[in-house]
């Protein structure tokens, strides 16, 4: 399989029925998971203060922009779910499907694996004074985790239908690609491991079991991305597993690295401050995720 084959328009859809009813339900479930967040953020953008204990949180222009951007991102989840679960979606151009699916995977999988569980665990402790009501974070992160489960499942079925044969039967790479591939993939893998080490160091610096758990999962995803990328380049081990690890790990590093970098540089209320290793982990993750995605595409 080559990157040009991956991005080329698909062959005509098969005659058998696709998507099956169960696959359509995955899209419906993913869309349903967006509703709590879209409703809450729409209330905030229209002047409401539901769930906010400190009105100053929503007073800044940067938070208004962030809220509008995240509403648009969740609206993209709705559009993507429709593409991934309809027959016409098989004829959509590849890049507009792959890019949001990849970024969405990067945001939503960590939500399901670490952020939501960590948030629920934190509820067992003594209540802390925060700018949000206690129900806001479980509602928001629960919705994200729900979206992640069903959107990733929908994409897996879609990708298997559209590109399964290409992924299962790799072709010989062009000789000119090999040196470039090894440099890009090697640099991405090393940078991912650096990011993983920084995440491990960040957990204790932030303090508390919840932070250690969250940063540990971030580190594990970075290592998984590096392993998957190297396995694809060397063509060793289970190919589908390596592709899934590279896809998910690189996506998580890129998406959250970009988010943390933007919110910090924009001096927003969500900025990462006080722990230098957190910022370094985000920047190295951003670089590793982007270069890892390029390397994985070349490796295919």
C-alpha atoms as a PDB file:
ATOM      1  CA  UNK A   1       0.000   0.000   0.000  1.00  0.00           C
ATOM      2  CA  UNK A   2       1.234   3.510  -0.772  1.00  0.00           C
ATOM      3  CA  UNK A   3       0.166   6.882   0.584  1.00  0.00           C
ATOM      4  CA  UNK A   4      -1.174   7.798  -2.860  1.00  0.00           C
ATOM      5  CA  UNK A   5      -3.307   4.663  -2.865  1.00  0.00           C
ATOM      6  CA  UNK A   6      -4.626   5.518   0.576  1.00  0.00           C
ATOM      7  CA  UNK A   7      -5.633   9.045  -0.436  1.00  0.00           C
ATOM      8  CA  UNK A   8      -7.016   8.078  -3.840  1.00  0.00           C
ATOM      9  CA  UNK A   9     -10.795   7.925  -4.366  1.00  0.00           C
ATOM     10  CA  UNK A  10     -12.188   4.545  -3.350  1.00  0.00           C
ATOM     11  CA  UNK A  11     -13.403   1.908  -5.729  1.00  0.00           C
ATOM     12  CA  UNK A  12     -17.171   1.750  -6.270  1.00  0.00           C
ATOM     13  CA  UNK A  13     -18.928   0.558  -3.115  1.00  0.00           C
ATOM     14  CA  UNK A  14     -19.548  -3.188  -2.941  1.00  0.00           C
ATOM     15  CA  UNK A  15     -22.938  -4.527  -3.795  1.00  0.00           C
ATOM     16  CA  UNK A  16     -23.581  -5.944  -0.351  1.00  0.00           C
ATOM     17  CA  UNK A  17     -25.429  -3.812   2.120  1.00  0.00           C
ATOM     18  CA  UNK A  18     -23.245  -1.281   3.922  1.00  0.00           C
ATOM     19  CA  UNK A  19     -23.463   0.166   6.415  1.00  0.00           C
ATOM     20  CA  UNK A  20     -25.243  -2.437   8.465  1.00  0.00           C
ATOM     21  CA  UNK A  21     -27.868  -1.243  10.962  1.00  0.00           C
ATOM     22  CA  UNK A  22     -25.465  -1.736  13.859  1.00  0.00           C
ATOM     23  CA  UNK A  23     -22.909   0.506  12.206  1.00  0.00           C
ATOM     24  CA  UNK A  24     -25.497   3.234  11.700  1.00  0.00           C
ATOM     25  CA  UNK A  25     -26.290   3.067  15.403  1.00  0.00           C
ATOM     26  CA  UNK A  26     -22.651   3.853  16.187  1.00  0.00           C
ATOM     27  CA  UNK A  27     -23.062   7.153  14.367  1.00  0.00           C
ATOM     28  CA  UNK A  28     -26.316   7.936  16.147  1.00  0.00           C
ATOM     29  CA  UNK A  29     -24.697   7.203  19.507  1.00  0.00           C
ATOM     30  CA  UNK A  30     -21.673   9.386  18.723  1.00  0.00           C
ATOM     31  CA  UNK A  31     -23.931  12.285  17.730  1.00  0.00           C
ATOM     32  CA  UNK A  32     -25.983  11.862  20.907  1.00  0.00           C
ATOM     33  CA  UNK A  33     -22.781  12.210  22.918  1.00  0.00           C
ATOM     34  CA  UNK A  34     -22.215  15.714  21.546  1.00  0.00           C
ATOM     35  CA  UNK A  35     -25.495  17.105  22.834  1.00  0.00           C
ATOM     36  CA  UNK A  36     -24.559  17.859  26.487  1.00  0.00           C
ATOM     37  CA  UNK A  37     -21.453  19.777  25.451  1.00  0.00           C
ATOM     38  CA  UNK A  38     -23.091  21.633  22.578  1.00  0.00           C
ATOM     39  CA  UNK A  39     -26.015  22.699  24.766  1.00  0.00           C
ATOM     40  CA  UNK A  40     -23.796  23.849  27.647  1.00  0.00           C
ATOM     41  CA  UNK A  41     -21.385  25.795  25.443  1.00  0.00           C
ATOM     42  CA  UNK A  42     -24.261  27.353  23.494  1.00  0.00           C
ATOM     43  CA  UNK A  43     -25.678  28.599  26.795  1.00  0.00           C
ATOM     44  CA  UNK A  44     -22.326  30.127  27.697  1.00  0.00           C
ATOM     45  CA  UNK A  45     -21.856  31.748  24.301  1.00  0.00           C
ATOM     46  CA  UNK A  46     -25.293  33.354  24.514  1.00  0.00           C
ATOM     47  CA  UNK A  47     -24.642  34.899  27.919  1.00  0.00           C
ATOM     48  CA  UNK A  48     -25.809  32.128  30.233  1.00  0.00           C
ATOM     49  CA  UNK A  49     -23.797  31.103  33.284  1.00  0.00           C
ATOM     50  CA  UNK A  50     -25.083  27.583  33.941  1.00  0.00           C
ATOM     51  CA  UNK A  51     -22.531  25.580  35.905  1.00  0.00           C
ATOM     52  CA  UNK A  52     -20.169  28.553  36.365  1.00  0.00           C
ATOM     53  CA  UNK A  53     -19.487  29.672  39.937  1.00  0.00           C
ATOM     54  CA  UNK A  54     -17.126  32.495  38.945  1.00  0.00           C
ATOM     55  CA  UNK A  55     -18.528  34.659  36.106  1.00  0.00           C
ATOM     56  CA  UNK A  56     -15.035  36.047  35.463  1.00  0.00           C
ATOM     57  CA  UNK A  57     -14.159  32.735  33.801  1.00  0.00           C
ATOM     58  CA  UNK A  58     -16.302  33.564  30.775  1.00  0.00           C
ATOM     59  CA  UNK A  59     -15.576  37.291  30.695  1.00  0.00           C
ATOM     60  CA  UNK A  60     -12.373  37.189  28.652  1.00  0.00           C
ATOM     61  CA  UNK A  61     -12.297  37.299  24.873  1.00  0.00           C
ATOM     62  CA  UNK A  62      -9.909  34.334  24.794  1.00  0.00           C
ATOM     63  CA  UNK A  63     -12.439  32.098  26.565  1.00  0.00           C
ATOM     64  CA  UNK A  64     -15.185  33.219  24.201  1.00  0.00           C
ATOM     65  CA  UNK A  65     -12.999  32.263  21.251  1.00  0.00           C
ATOM     66  CA  UNK A  66     -12.092  28.923  22.842  1.00  0.00           C
ATOM     67  CA  UNK A  67     -15.742  28.132  23.515  1.00  0.00           C
ATOM     68  CA  UNK A  68     -16.682  28.969  19.930  1.00  0.00           C
ATOM     69  CA  UNK A  69     -13.821  26.861  18.568  1.00  0.00           C
ATOM     70  CA  UNK A  70     -14.720  23.854  20.702  1.00  0.00           C
ATOM     71  CA  UNK A  71     -18.372  24.103  19.657  1.00  0.00           C
ATOM     72  CA  UNK A  72     -17.215  24.033  16.039  1.00  0.00           C
ATOM     73  CA  UNK A  73     -15.005  21.025  16.813  1.00  0.00           C
ATOM     74  CA  UNK A  74     -17.906  19.118  18.342  1.00  0.00           C
ATOM     75  CA  UNK A  75     -20.059  20.040  15.349  1.00  0.00           C
ATOM     76  CA  UNK A  76     -17.359  18.410  13.217  1.00  0.00           C
ATOM     77  CA  UNK A  77     -17.911  15.225  15.221  1.00  0.00           C
ATOM     78  CA  UNK A  78     -21.545  15.263  14.113  1.00  0.00           C
ATOM     79  CA  UNK A  79     -20.561  15.705  10.464  1.00  0.00           C
ATOM     80  CA  UNK A  80     -17.872  13.034  10.693  1.00  0.00           C
ATOM     81  CA  UNK A  81     -20.250  10.556  12.322  1.00  0.00           C
ATOM     82  CA  UNK A  82     -22.652  11.008   9.411  1.00  0.00           C
ATOM     83  CA  UNK A  83     -19.887  10.451   6.854  1.00  0.00           C
ATOM     84  CA  UNK A  84     -18.593   7.351   8.620  1.00  0.00           C
ATOM     85  CA  UNK A  85     -21.971   5.672   8.865  1.00  0.00           C
ATOM     86  CA  UNK A  86     -23.621   6.334   5.509  1.00  0.00           C
ATOM     87  CA  UNK A  87     -23.050   4.629   2.180  1.00  0.00           C
ATOM     88  CA  UNK A  88     -22.386   7.935   0.468  1.00  0.00           C
ATOM     89  CA  UNK A  89     -19.577   8.542   2.939  1.00  0.00           C
ATOM     90  CA  UNK A  90     -17.490   5.877   1.197  1.00  0.00           C
ATOM     91  CA  UNK A  91     -17.226   8.224  -1.780  1.00  0.00           C
ATOM     92  CA  UNK A  92     -16.013  11.195   0.249  1.00  0.00           C
ATOM     93  CA  UNK A  93     -12.473  12.459  -0.463  1.00  0.00           C
ATOM     94  CA  UNK A  94     -10.009  10.666   1.785  1.00  0.00           C
ATOM     95  CA  UNK A  95      -8.152  13.585   3.363  1.00  0.00           C
ATOM     96  CA  UNK A  96     -11.246  15.432   4.709  1.00  0.00           C
ATOM     97  CA  UNK A  97     -12.238  12.151   6.361  1.00  0.00           C
ATOM     98  CA  UNK A  98      -8.844  11.054   7.663  1.00  0.00           C
ATOM     99  CA  UNK A  99      -7.695  14.378   9.130  1.00  0.00           C
ATOM    100  CA  UNK A 100     -10.678  15.093  11.421  1.00  0.00           C
ATOM    101  CA  UNK A 101     -10.927  11.402  12.317  1.00  0.00           C
ATOM    102  CA  UNK A 102      -7.267  11.400  13.331  1.00  0.00           C
ATOM    103  CA  UNK A 103      -7.464  14.624  15.335  1.00  0.00           C
ATOM    104  CA  UNK A 104     -10.722  13.465  16.922  1.00  0.00           C
ATOM    105  CA  UNK A 105      -9.140  10.176  17.935  1.00  0.00           C
ATOM    106  CA  UNK A 106      -6.309  12.099  19.544  1.00  0.00           C
ATOM    107  CA  UNK A 107      -8.641  14.245  21.612  1.00  0.00           C
ATOM    108  CA  UNK A 108     -11.283  11.695  22.528  1.00  0.00           C
ATOM    109  CA  UNK A 109      -9.376   8.484  23.305  1.00  0.00           C
ATOM    110  CA  UNK A 110      -7.429  10.058  26.208  1.00  0.00           C
ATOM    111  CA  UNK A 111     -10.732  11.466  27.456  1.00  0.00           C
ATOM    112  CA  UNK A 112     -12.191   7.973  27.672  1.00  0.00           C
ATOM    113  CA  UNK A 113      -9.065   6.276  28.992  1.00  0.00           C
ATOM    114  CA  UNK A 114      -7.761   8.741  31.565  1.00  0.00           C
ATOM    115  CA  UNK A 115      -9.434  12.153  31.852  1.00  0.00           C
ATOM    116  CA  UNK A 116     -12.950  10.943  32.683  1.00  0.00           C
ATOM    117  CA  UNK A 117     -11.792   8.236  35.148  1.00  0.00           C
ATOM    118  CA  UNK A 118      -9.442  10.741  36.797  1.00  0.00           C
ATOM    119  CA  UNK A 119     -12.269  13.276  37.095  1.00  0.00           C
ATOM    120  CA  UNK A 120     -14.582  10.707  38.667  1.00  0.00           C
ATOM    121  CA  UNK A 121     -11.865   9.637  41.106  1.00  0.00           C
ATOM    122  CA  UNK A 122     -11.322  13.240  42.147  1.00  0.00           C
ATOM    123  CA  UNK A 123     -14.977  13.464  43.199  1.00  0.00           C
ATOM    124  CA  UNK A 124     -14.279  11.058  46.069  1.00  0.00           C
ATOM    125  CA  UNK A 125     -12.005  13.567  47.764  1.00  0.00           C
ATOM    126  CA  UNK A 126     -12.965  16.661  49.755  1.00  0.00           C
ATOM    127  CA  UNK A 127     -14.705  19.312  47.636  1.00  0.00           C
ATOM    128  CA  UNK A 128     -12.452  22.037  46.278  1.00  0.00           C
ATOM    129  CA  UNK A 129     -13.326  25.607  45.427  1.00  0.00           C
ATOM    130  CA  UNK A 130     -13.394  25.793  41.633  1.00  0.00           C
ATOM    131  CA  UNK A 131     -14.803  28.122  39.005  1.00  0.00           C
ATOM    132  CA  UNK A 132     -17.171  25.379  37.797  1.00  0.00           C
ATOM    133  CA  UNK A 133     -20.000  23.545  39.517  1.00  0.00           C
ATOM    134  CA  UNK A 134     -19.145  19.939  40.506  1.00  0.00           C
ATOM    135  CA  UNK A 135     -21.393  18.449  37.816  1.00  0.00           C
ATOM    136  CA  UNK A 136     -19.829  20.261  34.848  1.00  0.00           C
ATOM    137  CA  UNK A 137     -16.636  18.279  34.356  1.00  0.00           C
ATOM    138  CA  UNK A 138     -18.226  14.810  34.696  1.00  0.00           C
ATOM    139  CA  UNK A 139     -20.931  15.869  32.227  1.00  0.00           C
ATOM    140  CA  UNK A 140     -18.486  17.301  29.694  1.00  0.00           C
ATOM    141  CA  UNK A 141     -15.826  14.614  29.971  1.00  0.00           C
ATOM    142  CA  UNK A 142     -18.450  11.889  30.071  1.00  0.00           C
ATOM    143  CA  UNK A 143     -19.844  13.201  26.798  1.00  0.00           C
ATOM    144  CA  UNK A 144     -16.379  13.285  25.256  1.00  0.00           C
ATOM    145  CA  UNK A 145     -15.622   9.746  26.394  1.00  0.00           C
ATOM    146  CA  UNK A 146     -18.946   8.567  24.964  1.00  0.00           C
ATOM    147  CA  UNK A 147     -18.162  10.246  21.652  1.00  0.00           C
ATOM    148  CA  UNK A 148     -14.707   8.684  21.629  1.00  0.00           C
ATOM    149  CA  UNK A 149     -15.949   5.133  22.081  1.00  0.00           C
ATOM    150  CA  UNK A 150     -18.573   5.274  19.358  1.00  0.00           C
ATOM    151  CA  UNK A 151     -16.753   7.520  16.891  1.00  0.00           C
ATOM    152  CA  UNK A 152     -13.604   5.377  16.975  1.00  0.00           C
ATOM    153  CA  UNK A 153     -15.717   2.247  16.540  1.00  0.00           C
ATOM    154  CA  UNK A 154     -17.499   3.844  13.578  1.00  0.00           C
ATOM    155  CA  UNK A 155     -14.201   4.869  12.003  1.00  0.00           C
ATOM    156  CA  UNK A 156     -12.736   1.390  12.460  1.00  0.00           C
ATOM    157  CA  UNK A 157     -15.631  -0.141  10.542  1.00  0.00           C
ATOM    158  CA  UNK A 158     -15.484   2.538   7.863  1.00  0.00           C
ATOM    159  CA  UNK A 159     -11.717   2.179   7.414  1.00  0.00           C
ATOM    160  CA  UNK A 160     -11.966  -1.596   7.197  1.00  0.00           C
ATOM    161  CA  UNK A 161     -14.621  -1.289   4.493  1.00  0.00           C
ATOM    162  CA  UNK A 162     -12.803   1.375   2.492  1.00  0.00           C
ATOM    163  CA  UNK A 163      -9.097   0.591   2.959  1.00  0.00           C
ATOM    164  CA  UNK A 164      -8.977  -2.877   4.500  1.00  0.00           C
ATOM    165  CA  UNK A 165      -7.559  -4.586   1.414  1.00  0.00           C
ATOM    166  CA  UNK A 166      -4.911  -1.911   0.896  1.00  0.00           C
ATOM    167  CA  UNK A 167      -3.745  -2.093   4.507  1.00  0.00           C
ATOM    168  CA  UNK A 168      -3.587  -5.889   4.491  1.00  0.00           C
ATOM    169  CA  UNK A 169      -1.431  -6.086   1.342  1.00  0.00           C
ATOM    170  CA  UNK A 170       1.491  -3.635   1.505  1.00  0.00           C
ATOM    171  CA  UNK A 171       3.517  -3.023  -1.628  1.00  0.00           C
ATOM    172  CA  UNK A 172       7.246  -2.612  -1.993  1.00  0.00           C
ATOM    173  CA  UNK A 173       8.400   0.901  -1.146  1.00  0.00           C
ATOM    174  CA  UNK A 174      10.288   3.018  -3.630  1.00  0.00           C
ATOM    175  CA  UNK A 175      14.018   3.030  -2.936  1.00  0.00           C
ATOM    176  CA  UNK A 176      14.062   6.824  -2.734  1.00  0.00           C
ATOM    177  CA  UNK A 177      11.521   6.775   0.093  1.00  0.00           C
ATOM    178  CA  UNK A 178      13.492   4.559   2.481  1.00  0.00           C
ATOM    179  CA  UNK A 179      16.173   7.057   3.617  1.00  0.00           C
ATOM    180  CA  UNK A 180      13.631   9.828   4.134  1.00  0.00           C
ATOM    181  CA  UNK A 181      11.286   7.457   5.936  1.00  0.00           C
ATOM    182  CA  UNK A 182      13.948   6.284   8.369  1.00  0.00           C
ATOM    183  CA  UNK A 183      14.983   9.829   9.238  1.00  0.00           C
ATOM    184  CA  UNK A 184      11.408  11.055   9.733  1.00  0.00           C
ATOM    185  CA  UNK A 185      10.216   7.978  11.612  1.00  0.00           C
ATOM    186  CA  UNK A 186      13.373   7.725  13.717  1.00  0.00           C
ATOM    187  CA  UNK A 187      13.181  11.363  14.726  1.00  0.00           C
ATOM    188  CA  UNK A 188       9.486  11.051  15.524  1.00  0.00           C
ATOM    189  CA  UNK A 189      10.005   7.930  17.640  1.00  0.00           C
ATOM    190  CA  UNK A 190      12.835   9.479  19.661  1.00  0.00           C
ATOM    191  CA  UNK A 191      10.858  12.690  20.200  1.00  0.00           C
ATOM    192  CA  UNK A 192       7.834  10.647  21.289  1.00  0.00           C
ATOM    193  CA  UNK A 193       9.933   8.853  23.900  1.00  0.00           C
ATOM    194  CA  UNK A 194      11.226  12.201  25.159  1.00  0.00           C
ATOM    195  CA  UNK A 195       7.630  13.398  25.439  1.00  0.00           C
ATOM    196  CA  UNK A 196       6.716  10.222  27.324  1.00  0.00           C
ATOM    197  CA  UNK A 197       9.537  10.770  29.817  1.00  0.00           C
ATOM    198  CA  UNK A 198       8.430  14.373  30.343  1.00  0.00           C
ATOM    199  CA  UNK A 199       4.855  13.246  31.003  1.00  0.00           C
ATOM    200  CA  UNK A 200       6.097  10.742  33.586  1.00  0.00           C
ATOM    201  CA  UNK A 201       8.077  13.515  35.279  1.00  0.00           C
ATOM    202  CA  UNK A 202       5.134  15.927  35.162  1.00  0.00           C
ATOM    203  CA  UNK A 203       2.722  13.760  37.159  1.00  0.00           C
ATOM    204  CA  UNK A 204       4.572  13.928  40.510  1.00  0.00           C
ATOM    205  CA  UNK A 205       5.415  17.600  39.966  1.00  0.00           C
ATOM    206  CA  UNK A 206       1.714  18.442  39.647  1.00  0.00           C
ATOM    207  CA  UNK A 207       1.034  16.185  42.603  1.00  0.00           C
ATOM    208  CA  UNK A 208      -1.700  13.733  43.471  1.00  0.00           C
ATOM    209  CA  UNK A 209      -2.718  10.339  42.186  1.00  0.00           C
ATOM    210  CA  UNK A 210      -5.062  11.787  39.564  1.00  0.00           C
ATOM    211  CA  UNK A 211      -2.279  13.773  37.874  1.00  0.00           C
ATOM    212  CA  UNK A 212       0.082  10.811  37.989  1.00  0.00           C
ATOM    213  CA  UNK A 213      -2.575   8.599  36.405  1.00  0.00           C
ATOM    214  CA  UNK A 214      -3.391  11.091  33.644  1.00  0.00           C
ATOM    215  CA  UNK A 215       0.230  11.812  32.788  1.00  0.00           C
ATOM    216  CA  UNK A 216       1.016   8.096  32.905  1.00  0.00           C
ATOM    217  CA  UNK A 217      -1.631   7.419  30.269  1.00  0.00           C
ATOM    218  CA  UNK A 218      -0.251  10.265  28.142  1.00  0.00           C
ATOM    219  CA  UNK A 219       3.193   8.677  28.388  1.00  0.00           C
ATOM    220  CA  UNK A 220       1.823   5.252  27.478  1.00  0.00           C
ATOM    221  CA  UNK A 221       0.111   6.660  24.387  1.00  0.00           C
ATOM    222  CA  UNK A 222       3.359   8.318  23.307  1.00  0.00           C
ATOM    223  CA  UNK A 223       5.250   5.034  23.692  1.00  0.00           C
ATOM    224  CA  UNK A 224       2.507   3.199  21.797  1.00  0.00           C
ATOM    225  CA  UNK A 225       2.757   5.705  18.971  1.00  0.00           C
ATOM    226  CA  UNK A 226       6.532   5.268  18.770  1.00  0.00           C
ATOM    227  CA  UNK A 227       6.267   1.468  18.803  1.00  0.00           C
ATOM    228  CA  UNK A 228       3.561   1.420  16.160  1.00  0.00           C
ATOM    229  CA  UNK A 229       5.504   3.748  13.892  1.00  0.00           C
ATOM    230  CA  UNK A 230       8.739   1.756  14.149  1.00  0.00           C
ATOM    231  CA  UNK A 231       6.835  -1.495  13.558  1.00  0.00           C
ATOM    232  CA  UNK A 232       5.240  -0.068  10.415  1.00  0.00           C
ATOM    233  CA  UNK A 233       8.585   1.112   9.087  1.00  0.00           C
ATOM    234  CA  UNK A 234      10.296  -2.213   9.771  1.00  0.00           C
ATOM    235  CA  UNK A 235       7.204  -4.209   8.792  1.00  0.00           C
ATOM    236  CA  UNK A 236       7.449  -6.386  11.865  1.00  0.00           C
ATOM    237  CA  UNK A 237       4.692  -7.628  14.117  1.00  0.00           C
ATOM    238  CA  UNK A 238       0.924  -7.522  13.562  1.00  0.00           C
ATOM    239  CA  UNK A 239       0.348  -4.839  10.934  1.00  0.00           C
ATOM    240  CA  UNK A 240      -3.143  -3.805  12.011  1.00  0.00           C
ATOM    241  CA  UNK A 241      -2.063  -3.520  15.649  1.00  0.00           C
ATOM    242  CA  UNK A 242       0.951  -1.424  14.680  1.00  0.00           C
ATOM    243  CA  UNK A 243      -1.215   0.834  12.539  1.00  0.00           C
ATOM    244  CA  UNK A 244      -3.760   1.267  15.355  1.00  0.00           C
ATOM    245  CA  UNK A 245      -0.994   2.091  17.847  1.00  0.00           C
ATOM    246  CA  UNK A 246       0.674   4.591  15.518  1.00  0.00           C
ATOM    247  CA  UNK A 247      -2.671   6.174  14.609  1.00  0.00           C
ATOM    248  CA  UNK A 248      -3.863   6.557  18.201  1.00  0.00           C
ATOM    249  CA  UNK A 249      -0.551   7.420  19.838  1.00  0.00           C
ATOM    250  CA  UNK A 250       0.515  10.012  17.269  1.00  0.00           C
ATOM    251  CA  UNK A 251      -2.986  11.499  17.214  1.00  0.00           C
ATOM    252  CA  UNK A 252      -3.049  11.909  21.002  1.00  0.00           C
ATOM    253  CA  UNK A 253       0.381  13.543  21.053  1.00  0.00           C
ATOM    254  CA  UNK A 254      -0.497  15.931  18.237  1.00  0.00           C
ATOM    255  CA  UNK A 255      -4.007  16.893  19.347  1.00  0.00           C
ATOM    256  CA  UNK A 256      -3.282  17.533  23.008  1.00  0.00           C
ATOM    257  CA  UNK A 257       0.148  18.965  22.263  1.00  0.00           C
ATOM    258  CA  UNK A 258      -1.428  21.486  19.904  1.00  0.00           C
ATOM    259  CA  UNK A 259      -4.231  22.279  22.352  1.00  0.00           C
ATOM    260  CA  UNK A 260      -1.864  22.833  25.287  1.00  0.00           C
ATOM    261  CA  UNK A 261       0.509  24.927  23.191  1.00  0.00           C
ATOM    262  CA  UNK A 262      -2.243  27.165  21.819  1.00  0.00           C
ATOM    263  CA  UNK A 263      -3.998  27.684  25.157  1.00  0.00           C
ATOM    264  CA  UNK A 264      -0.693  28.477  26.872  1.00  0.00           C
ATOM    265  CA  UNK A 265       0.584  30.859  24.198  1.00  0.00           C
ATOM    266  CA  UNK A 266      -2.812  32.551  24.189  1.00  0.00           C
ATOM    267  CA  UNK A 267      -2.566  33.113  27.957  1.00  0.00           C
ATOM    268  CA  UNK A 268      -6.029  31.639  28.456  1.00  0.00           C
ATOM    269  CA  UNK A 269      -7.520  30.387  31.707  1.00  0.00           C
ATOM    270  CA  UNK A 270      -6.663  26.862  30.516  1.00  0.00           C
ATOM    271  CA  UNK A 271      -2.946  27.610  30.167  1.00  0.00           C
ATOM    272  CA  UNK A 272      -0.456  25.133  31.578  1.00  0.00           C
ATOM    273  CA  UNK A 273       1.562  27.040  34.125  1.00  0.00           C
ATOM    274  CA  UNK A 274       3.887  26.363  37.030  1.00  0.00           C
ATOM    275  CA  UNK A 275       5.207  23.025  35.739  1.00  0.00           C
ATOM    276  CA  UNK A 276       7.767  23.548  32.953  1.00  0.00           C
ATOM    277  CA  UNK A 277       7.879  19.853  32.066  1.00  0.00           C
ATOM    278  CA  UNK A 278       4.183  19.985  31.153  1.00  0.00           C
ATOM    279  CA  UNK A 279       4.842  22.583  28.473  1.00  0.00           C
ATOM    280  CA  UNK A 280       7.861  20.684  27.172  1.00  0.00           C
ATOM    281  CA  UNK A 281       5.837  17.469  27.052  1.00  0.00           C
ATOM    282  CA  UNK A 282       3.171  19.242  25.002  1.00  0.00           C
ATOM    283  CA  UNK A 283       5.616  20.753  22.493  1.00  0.00           C
ATOM    284  CA  UNK A 284       7.593  17.544  22.006  1.00  0.00           C
ATOM    285  CA  UNK A 285       4.337  15.620  21.699  1.00  0.00           C
ATOM    286  CA  UNK A 286       3.072  18.039  19.061  1.00  0.00           C
ATOM    287  CA  UNK A 287       6.251  17.599  17.017  1.00  0.00           C
ATOM    288  CA  UNK A 288       6.343  13.829  17.490  1.00  0.00           C
ATOM    289  CA  UNK A 289       2.685  13.415  16.593  1.00  0.00           C
ATOM    290  CA  UNK A 290       2.933  15.430  13.388  1.00  0.00           C
ATOM    291  CA  UNK A 291       6.186  13.873  12.177  1.00  0.00           C
ATOM    292  CA  UNK A 292       4.963  10.439  13.254  1.00  0.00           C
ATOM    293  CA  UNK A 293       1.839  10.804  11.136  1.00  0.00           C
ATOM    294  CA  UNK A 294       3.958  11.761   8.129  1.00  0.00           C
ATOM    295  CA  UNK A 295       6.236   8.808   8.782  1.00  0.00           C
ATOM    296  CA  UNK A 296       3.326   6.382   9.113  1.00  0.00           C
ATOM    297  CA  UNK A 297       1.833   7.618   5.851  1.00  0.00           C
ATOM    298  CA  UNK A 298       5.164   7.068   4.097  1.00  0.00           C
ATOM    299  CA  UNK A 299       5.526   3.653   5.735  1.00  0.00           C
ATOM    300  CA  UNK A 300       2.217   2.443   4.348  1.00  0.00           C
END
